[in-house]
Amino acid sequence: MKKNLCLGLILLGYGVPYAFLAMYADAAWRTMLGYVVLLAGMGLLFRSCGRRGWMALLLGGNLLSCVSSLLFVLCFLPQEWAAYFKPLLPTTLVLVLSVGALLLQLFLWRDFAPKQR
């Protein structure tokens, strides 16, 4: 039961569109704090998955966050804000942020994941 609750909470955490929130804060309020939230949220979820050795959940969760961010960008980001993120399109920036977060987590996985005995 406790494992299922933990699994559900981690999946719920990965459902948050971190890349969209970072971009929205950057475009709407001209602050980089959204990117700090992206790193903190992904770091907390990485730690939760890493302590338990759930690599598949880490990969699937990052995919879920990327898809939810893409959907939010397509539905809620005003078209005129696309010029703010030039030379990239907003959807391309979501992909770059998501892949960058995933690569950072995979790099850190080597050092922090439970060792196989």
Protein backbone atom coordinates (compact mmCIF):
# COMPACT_ATOMS: atom_id res chain seq x y z
CA MET A 1 0.00 0.00 0.00
CA LYS A 2 2.75 2.43 0.96
CA LYS A 3 4.66 1.63 -2.24
CA ASN A 4 1.55 2.28 -4.36
CA LEU A 5 0.90 5.59 -2.58
CA CYS A 6 4.50 6.67 -3.14
CA LEU A 7 4.30 5.62 -6.78
CA GLY A 8 1.07 7.57 -7.26
CA LEU A 9 2.47 10.70 -5.65
CA ILE A 10 5.58 10.57 -7.83
CA LEU A 11 3.45 10.16 -10.96
CA LEU A 12 1.26 13.05 -9.83
CA GLY A 13 4.40 15.14 -9.36
CA TYR A 14 5.61 14.28 -12.84
CA GLY A 15 2.24 15.34 -14.24
CA VAL A 16 3.11 18.96 -13.44
CA PRO A 17 4.16 20.79 -16.63
CA TYR A 18 7.46 22.13 -15.25
CA ALA A 19 8.83 23.32 -18.60
CA PHE A 20 5.61 25.23 -19.34
CA LEU A 21 5.63 26.86 -15.90
CA ALA A 22 9.24 27.94 -16.40
CA MET A 23 8.50 29.43 -19.79
CA TYR A 24 5.32 31.10 -18.60
CA ALA A 25 7.10 32.74 -15.65
CA ASP A 26 9.87 33.89 -17.98
CA ALA A 27 7.51 35.39 -20.55
CA ALA A 28 4.81 36.79 -18.25
CA TRP A 29 6.83 38.07 -15.31
CA ARG A 30 10.31 38.34 -16.88
CA THR A 31 11.82 36.24 -14.12
CA MET A 32 14.09 33.21 -14.23
CA LEU A 33 12.57 31.74 -11.06
CA GLY A 34 10.41 29.43 -13.16
CA TYR A 35 13.54 27.63 -14.30
CA VAL A 36 14.56 27.26 -10.65
CA VAL A 37 11.17 25.65 -9.99
CA LEU A 38 11.82 23.33 -12.94
CA LEU A 39 15.16 22.23 -11.50
CA ALA A 40 13.83 21.91 -7.94
CA GLY A 41 10.76 19.92 -8.96
CA MET A 42 12.68 17.57 -11.22
CA GLY A 43 15.40 17.22 -8.59
CA LEU A 44 12.93 16.25 -5.89
CA LEU A 45 11.29 13.68 -8.17
CA PHE A 46 14.70 12.39 -9.24
CA ARG A 47 15.66 11.88 -5.62
CA SER A 48 12.42 10.04 -4.93
CA CYS A 49 12.94 7.70 -7.88
CA GLY A 50 16.67 7.35 -7.35
CA ARG A 51 16.39 6.26 -3.73
CA ARG A 52 14.11 3.42 -4.76
CA GLY A 53 15.89 2.48 -7.99
CA TRP A 54 12.88 3.25 -10.19
CA MET A 55 14.60 4.10 -13.47
CA ALA A 56 11.53 3.21 -15.56
CA LEU A 57 9.40 5.61 -13.51
CA LEU A 58 12.02 8.32 -13.96
CA LEU A 59 11.93 7.93 -17.75
CA GLY A 60 8.16 7.64 -17.94
CA GLY A 61 7.66 10.55 -15.59
CA ASN A 62 9.90 12.81 -17.64
CA LEU A 63 7.94 11.84 -20.73
CA LEU A 64 4.67 12.63 -18.91
CA SER A 65 5.97 16.04 -17.83
CA CYS A 66 7.17 16.80 -21.36
CA VAL A 67 3.82 15.83 -22.92
CA SER A 68 1.85 17.85 -20.36
CA SER A 69 4.13 20.86 -20.97
CA LEU A 70 3.65 20.55 -24.72
CA LEU A 71 -0.12 20.40 -24.32
CA PHE A 72 -0.13 23.44 -22.06
CA VAL A 73 2.08 25.41 -24.47
CA LEU A 74 -0.19 24.56 -27.39
CA CYS A 75 -3.37 25.40 -25.47
CA PHE A 76 -2.48 28.30 -23.19
CA LEU A 77 0.62 30.14 -24.37
CA PRO A 78 -0.44 33.16 -26.46
CA GLN A 79 0.81 33.07 -30.04
CA GLU A 80 2.39 36.52 -29.77
CA TRP A 81 4.71 35.23 -27.04
CA ALA A 82 6.40 32.96 -29.58
CA ALA A 83 8.64 35.89 -30.54
CA TYR A 84 9.89 36.09 -26.95
CA PHE A 85 11.54 32.67 -27.20
CA LYS A 86 13.27 33.23 -30.55
CA PRO A 87 15.27 31.69 -32.16
CA LEU A 88 13.39 28.64 -30.84
CA LEU A 89 9.70 27.98 -31.10
CA PRO A 90 7.93 27.49 -27.75
CA THR A 91 7.37 23.80 -28.47
CA THR A 92 11.03 23.35 -29.37
CA LEU A 93 12.06 25.06 -26.14
CA VAL A 94 9.84 22.67 -24.16
CA LEU A 95 11.60 19.75 -25.82
CA VAL A 96 15.04 21.27 -25.16
CA LEU A 97 14.20 21.89 -21.49
CA SER A 98 12.74 18.41 -21.04
CA VAL A 99 15.65 16.65 -22.73
CA GLY A 100 18.11 18.77 -20.75
CA ALA A 101 16.42 17.85 -17.47
CA LEU A 102 16.37 14.18 -18.48
CA LEU A 103 20.06 14.19 -19.43
CA LEU A 104 20.97 15.84 -16.13
CA GLN A 105 18.98 13.21 -14.24
CA LEU A 106 20.56 10.35 -16.20
CA PHE A 107 24.01 11.79 -15.56
CA LEU A 108 23.29 12.01 -11.83
CA TRP A 109 21.73 8.53 -11.80
CA ARG A 110 25.19 6.99 -12.04
CA ASP A 111 26.23 8.58 -8.76
CA PHE A 112 23.05 8.50 -6.67
CA ALA A 113 21.17 5.37 -7.69
CA PRO A 114 21.27 2.37 -5.34
CA LYS A 115 24.19 0.10 -6.15
CA GLN A 116 23.45 -3.43 -7.37
CA ARG A 117 24.91 -6.10 -5.09
